[in-house]
C-alpha atoms as a PDB file:
ATOM      1  CA  UNK A   1      84.560 119.740  46.378  1.00  0.00           C
ATOM      2  CA  UNK A   2      87.242 122.315  46.485  1.00  0.00           C
ATOM      3  CA  UNK A   3      88.961 122.636  49.839  1.00  0.00           C
ATOM      4  CA  UNK A   4      88.451 126.378  49.769  1.00  0.00           C
ATOM      5  CA  UNK A   5      84.750 126.061  49.234  1.00  0.00           C
ATOM      6  CA  UNK A   6      84.465 123.465  51.976  1.00  0.00           C
ATOM      7  CA  UNK A   7      86.265 125.777  54.448  1.00  0.00           C
ATOM      8  CA  UNK A   8      84.002 128.796  53.382  1.00  0.00           C
ATOM      9  CA  UNK A   9      80.839 126.546  53.817  1.00  0.00           C
ATOM     10  CA  UNK A  10      81.983 125.363  57.265  1.00  0.00           C
ATOM     11  CA  UNK A  11      82.724 128.882  58.295  1.00  0.00           C
ATOM     12  CA  UNK A  12      79.418 130.129  57.075  1.00  0.00           C
ATOM     13  CA  UNK A  13      77.540 127.379  58.852  1.00  0.00           C
ATOM     14  CA  UNK A  14      79.451 128.030  62.018  1.00  0.00           C
ATOM     15  CA  UNK A  15      78.478 131.753  61.872  1.00  0.00           C
ATOM     16  CA  UNK A  16      74.826 131.022  61.066  1.00  0.00           C
ATOM     17  CA  UNK A  17      74.770 128.514  63.994  1.00  0.00           C
ATOM     18  CA  UNK A  18      76.295 131.118  66.377  1.00  0.00           C
ATOM     19  CA  UNK A  19      73.846 133.769  65.138  1.00  0.00           C
ATOM     20  CA  UNK A  20      70.914 131.586  66.085  1.00  0.00           C
ATOM     21  CA  UNK A  21      72.413 130.429  69.400  1.00  0.00           C
ATOM     22  CA  UNK A  22      73.872 133.542  70.663  1.00  0.00           C
ATOM     23  CA  UNK A  23      73.072 136.671  68.627  1.00  0.00           C
ATOM     24  CA  UNK A  24      74.390 139.101  71.300  1.00  0.00           C
ATOM     25  CA  UNK A  25      77.474 137.419  71.646  1.00  0.00           C
ATOM     26  CA  UNK A  26      78.192 137.381  67.859  1.00  0.00           C
ATOM     27  CA  UNK A  27      77.275 141.093  67.888  1.00  0.00           C
ATOM     28  CA  UNK A  28      79.813 141.707  70.622  1.00  0.00           C
ATOM     29  CA  UNK A  29      82.505 139.868  68.930  1.00  0.00           C
ATOM     30  CA  UNK A  30      81.949 141.714  65.661  1.00  0.00           C
ATOM     31  CA  UNK A  31      81.882 145.043  67.379  1.00  0.00           C
ATOM     32  CA  UNK A  32      85.124 144.279  69.253  1.00  0.00           C
ATOM     33  CA  UNK A  33      86.846 143.223  65.930  1.00  0.00           C
ATOM     34  CA  UNK A  34      85.511 146.219  64.203  1.00  0.00           C
ATOM     35  CA  UNK A  35      86.791 148.592  66.932  1.00  0.00           C
ATOM     36  CA  UNK A  36      90.269 146.696  67.060  1.00  0.00           C
ATOM     37  CA  UNK A  37      90.532 146.865  63.275  1.00  0.00           C
ATOM     38  CA  UNK A  38      89.714 150.698  63.266  1.00  0.00           C
ATOM     39  CA  UNK A  39      92.490 151.127  66.056  1.00  0.00           C
ATOM     40  CA  UNK A  40      94.983 149.323  63.901  1.00  0.00           C
ATOM     41  CA  UNK A  41      94.150 151.252  60.816  1.00  0.00           C
ATOM     42  CA  UNK A  42      94.578 154.566  62.817  1.00  0.00           C
ATOM     43  CA  UNK A  43      97.788 153.530  64.144  1.00  0.00           C
ATOM     44  CA  UNK A  44      99.068 152.479  60.677  1.00  0.00           C
ATOM     45  CA  UNK A  45      97.987 155.798  59.081  1.00  0.00           C
ATOM     46  CA  UNK A  46      99.571 157.898  61.985  1.00  0.00           C
ATOM     47  CA  UNK A  47     102.880 155.841  61.612  1.00  0.00           C
ATOM     48  CA  UNK A  48     102.942 156.525  57.902  1.00  0.00           C
ATOM     49  CA  UNK A  49     102.292 160.242  58.439  1.00  0.00           C
ATOM     50  CA  UNK A  50     105.012 160.322  61.109  1.00  0.00           C
ATOM     51  CA  UNK A  51     107.479 158.472  58.868  1.00  0.00           C
ATOM     52  CA  UNK A  52     106.810 160.726  55.860  1.00  0.00           C
ATOM     53  CA  UNK A  53     107.065 163.934  58.097  1.00  0.00           C
ATOM     54  CA  UNK A  54     110.544 162.610  59.451  1.00  0.00           C
ATOM     55  CA  UNK A  55     111.712 162.082  55.863  1.00  0.00           C
ATOM     56  CA  UNK A  56     110.794 165.634  54.798  1.00  0.00           C
ATOM     57  CA  UNK A  57     112.238 167.358  57.839  1.00  0.00           C
ATOM     58  CA  UNK A  58     115.749 166.043  57.009  1.00  0.00           C
END
């Protein structure tokens, strides 16, 4: 079996096990990661806008 497939299979089994053992915990972690990801995306876009604006003001 390919190593990538094995890693994906183990990851999927871990998430399925976690879902059945602690669904609220999994939901909390997913929500936290989603919020952090959105915050990072906003910071990235704000930085890009600021950089472009500083280039155009010179």
